[in-house]
Amino acid sequence: GGWAYANGSVKGLVICNFGNSFKAFSRECPHVTCAGKLSVVNNIKLVCPCDDAEFSILDGTPQTAGITESVCEFRVIEVSSSILNITNF
């Protein structure tokens, strides 16, 4: 389990390890007007620095009322125990 920030995408990635699978999300906020990077808070959510909108770290869906756009998720293929191949869907 756990997560880490990584280079990639426009503003970086958040890579989440769920034990037997991985997910990768863009740190780019889905709000067009926000220029900040999403941050992981309390190991359970991604938070926008512009308006404190919250998104699930499990699937990128919005958790704040009135927010309709999800965080961009990338496809993750585990190549080996130490290498991940991350691509857009």
C-alpha atoms as a PDB file:
ATOM      1  CA  GLY A   1       0.000   0.000   0.000  1.00  0.00           C
ATOM      2  CA  GLY A   2       0.885   3.661  -0.144  1.00  0.00           C
ATOM      3  CA  TRP A   3       1.434   6.350  -2.741  1.00  0.00           C
ATOM      4  CA  ALA A   4       4.194   8.478  -4.264  1.00  0.00           C
ATOM      5  CA  TYR A   5       4.562  11.551  -6.433  1.00  0.00           C
ATOM      6  CA  ALA A   6       6.342  10.952  -9.756  1.00  0.00           C
ATOM      7  CA  ASN A   7       7.370  12.847 -12.864  1.00  0.00           C
ATOM      8  CA  GLY A   8       5.111  12.560 -15.875  1.00  0.00           C
ATOM      9  CA  SER A   9       2.013  14.130 -17.386  1.00  0.00           C
ATOM     10  CA  VAL A  10       1.787  17.924 -17.406  1.00  0.00           C
ATOM     11  CA  LYS A  11       2.146  18.523 -13.647  1.00  0.00           C
ATOM     12  CA  GLY A  12       3.313  15.165 -12.364  1.00  0.00           C
ATOM     13  CA  LEU A  13       1.627  11.978 -11.213  1.00  0.00           C
ATOM     14  CA  VAL A  14       0.365  10.368  -8.051  1.00  0.00           C
ATOM     15  CA  ILE A  15       1.039   6.620  -8.133  1.00  0.00           C
ATOM     16  CA  CYS A  16      -1.025   4.546  -5.715  1.00  0.00           C
ATOM     17  CA  ASN A  17      -0.091   1.034  -4.625  1.00  0.00           C
ATOM     18  CA  PHE A  18      -3.119  -1.009  -3.569  1.00  0.00           C
ATOM     19  CA  GLY A  19      -1.128  -4.134  -2.681  1.00  0.00           C
ATOM     20  CA  ASN A  20      -1.937  -6.198  -5.756  1.00  0.00           C
ATOM     21  CA  SER A  21      -2.510  -3.360  -8.234  1.00  0.00           C
ATOM     22  CA  PHE A  22      -1.431   0.186  -9.043  1.00  0.00           C
ATOM     23  CA  LYS A  23      -3.251   3.309 -10.209  1.00  0.00           C
ATOM     24  CA  ALA A  24      -1.794   6.562 -11.512  1.00  0.00           C
ATOM     25  CA  PHE A  25      -3.507   9.949 -11.520  1.00  0.00           C
ATOM     26  CA  SER A  26      -2.456  13.281 -12.977  1.00  0.00           C
ATOM     27  CA  ARG A  27      -1.674  16.005 -10.434  1.00  0.00           C
ATOM     28  CA  GLU A  28      -3.224  18.484 -12.881  1.00  0.00           C
ATOM     29  CA  CYS A  29      -6.433  19.849 -11.414  1.00  0.00           C
ATOM     30  CA  PRO A  30      -9.507  19.095 -13.548  1.00  0.00           C
ATOM     31  CA  HIS A  31     -10.669  22.717 -13.084  1.00  0.00           C
ATOM     32  CA  VAL A  32      -9.615  24.642 -16.178  1.00  0.00           C
ATOM     33  CA  THR A  33      -8.984  27.819 -14.180  1.00  0.00           C
ATOM     34  CA  CYS A  34      -6.645  26.237 -11.586  1.00  0.00           C
ATOM     35  CA  ALA A  35      -2.912  26.301 -12.288  1.00  0.00           C
ATOM     36  CA  GLY A  36      -1.921  24.394  -9.124  1.00  0.00           C
ATOM     37  CA  LYS A  37      -1.045  20.758  -8.508  1.00  0.00           C
ATOM     38  CA  LEU A  38      -3.274  18.322  -6.645  1.00  0.00           C
ATOM     39  CA  SER A  39      -1.848  17.077  -3.353  1.00  0.00           C
ATOM     40  CA  VAL A  40      -2.487  13.882  -1.410  1.00  0.00           C
ATOM     41  CA  VAL A  41      -4.043  14.612   1.992  1.00  0.00           C
ATOM     42  CA  ASN A  42      -4.382  12.087   4.845  1.00  0.00           C
ATOM     43  CA  ASN A  43      -3.462   9.278   2.407  1.00  0.00           C
ATOM     44  CA  ILE A  44      -7.095   9.107   1.241  1.00  0.00           C
ATOM     45  CA  LYS A  45      -7.840  12.037  -1.048  1.00  0.00           C
ATOM     46  CA  LEU A  46      -6.439  14.385  -3.663  1.00  0.00           C
ATOM     47  CA  VAL A  47      -7.044  18.063  -2.915  1.00  0.00           C
ATOM     48  CA  CYS A  48      -7.071  21.055  -5.261  1.00  0.00           C
ATOM     49  CA  PRO A  49      -4.979  24.007  -3.994  1.00  0.00           C
ATOM     50  CA  CYS A  50      -7.281  26.554  -5.686  1.00  0.00           C
ATOM     51  CA  ASP A  51     -10.613  25.738  -4.042  1.00  0.00           C
ATOM     52  CA  ASP A  52      -9.949  22.765  -1.703  1.00  0.00           C
ATOM     53  CA  ALA A  53     -12.087  20.469  -3.894  1.00  0.00           C
ATOM     54  CA  GLU A  54     -11.524  16.829  -2.921  1.00  0.00           C
ATOM     55  CA  PHE A  55     -11.166  13.768  -5.143  1.00  0.00           C
ATOM     56  CA  SER A  56     -11.008  10.069  -4.235  1.00  0.00           C
ATOM     57  CA  ILE A  57      -7.540   8.515  -4.298  1.00  0.00           C
ATOM     58  CA  LEU A  58      -9.260   5.222  -5.209  1.00  0.00           C
ATOM     59  CA  ASP A  59     -10.712   6.310  -8.550  1.00  0.00           C
ATOM     60  CA  GLY A  60     -10.277  10.091  -8.976  1.00  0.00           C
ATOM     61  CA  THR A  61     -13.977  10.899  -8.628  1.00  0.00           C
ATOM     62  CA  PRO A  62     -15.010  14.228  -7.095  1.00  0.00           C
ATOM     63  CA  GLN A  63     -15.965  14.142  -3.422  1.00  0.00           C
ATOM     64  CA  THR A  64     -16.991  17.806  -3.169  1.00  0.00           C
ATOM     65  CA  ALA A  65     -20.557  18.888  -3.949  1.00  0.00           C
ATOM     66  CA  GLY A  66     -20.855  20.798  -7.219  1.00  0.00           C
ATOM     67  CA  ILE A  67     -17.660  19.374  -8.737  1.00  0.00           C
ATOM     68  CA  THR A  68     -18.378  17.149 -11.739  1.00  0.00           C
ATOM     69  CA  GLU A  69     -14.997  16.496 -13.380  1.00  0.00           C
ATOM     70  CA  SER A  70     -12.840  13.570 -12.220  1.00  0.00           C
ATOM     71  CA  VAL A  71      -9.051  13.561 -12.030  1.00  0.00           C
ATOM     72  CA  CYS A  72      -7.344  12.132 -15.128  1.00  0.00           C
ATOM     73  CA  GLU A  73      -6.365   8.485 -14.570  1.00  0.00           C
ATOM     74  CA  PHE A  74      -3.615   6.712 -16.504  1.00  0.00           C
ATOM     75  CA  ARG A  75      -3.262   3.029 -17.342  1.00  0.00           C
ATOM     76  CA  VAL A  76      -0.644   1.205 -15.250  1.00  0.00           C
ATOM     77  CA  ILE A  77       0.964  -2.070 -16.318  1.00  0.00           C
ATOM     78  CA  GLU A  78       3.343  -3.727 -13.872  1.00  0.00           C
ATOM     79  CA  VAL A  79       6.322  -4.807 -15.985  1.00  0.00           C
ATOM     80  CA  SER A  80       8.313  -6.225 -13.072  1.00  0.00           C
ATOM     81  CA  SER A  81       8.495  -5.813  -9.311  1.00  0.00           C
ATOM     82  CA  SER A  82      10.361  -2.530  -9.787  1.00  0.00           C
ATOM     83  CA  ILE A  83       9.096  -1.191 -13.142  1.00  0.00           C
ATOM     84  CA  LEU A  84       5.694   0.269 -14.025  1.00  0.00           C
ATOM     85  CA  ASN A  85       4.608   1.232 -17.526  1.00  0.00           C
ATOM     86  CA  ILE A  86       2.203   4.196 -17.273  1.00  0.00           C
ATOM     87  CA  THR A  87       0.295   5.308 -20.394  1.00  0.00           C
ATOM     88  CA  ASN A  88      -2.882   7.143 -21.262  1.00  0.00           C
ATOM     89  CA  PHE A  89      -5.867   4.846 -21.900  1.00  0.00           C
END
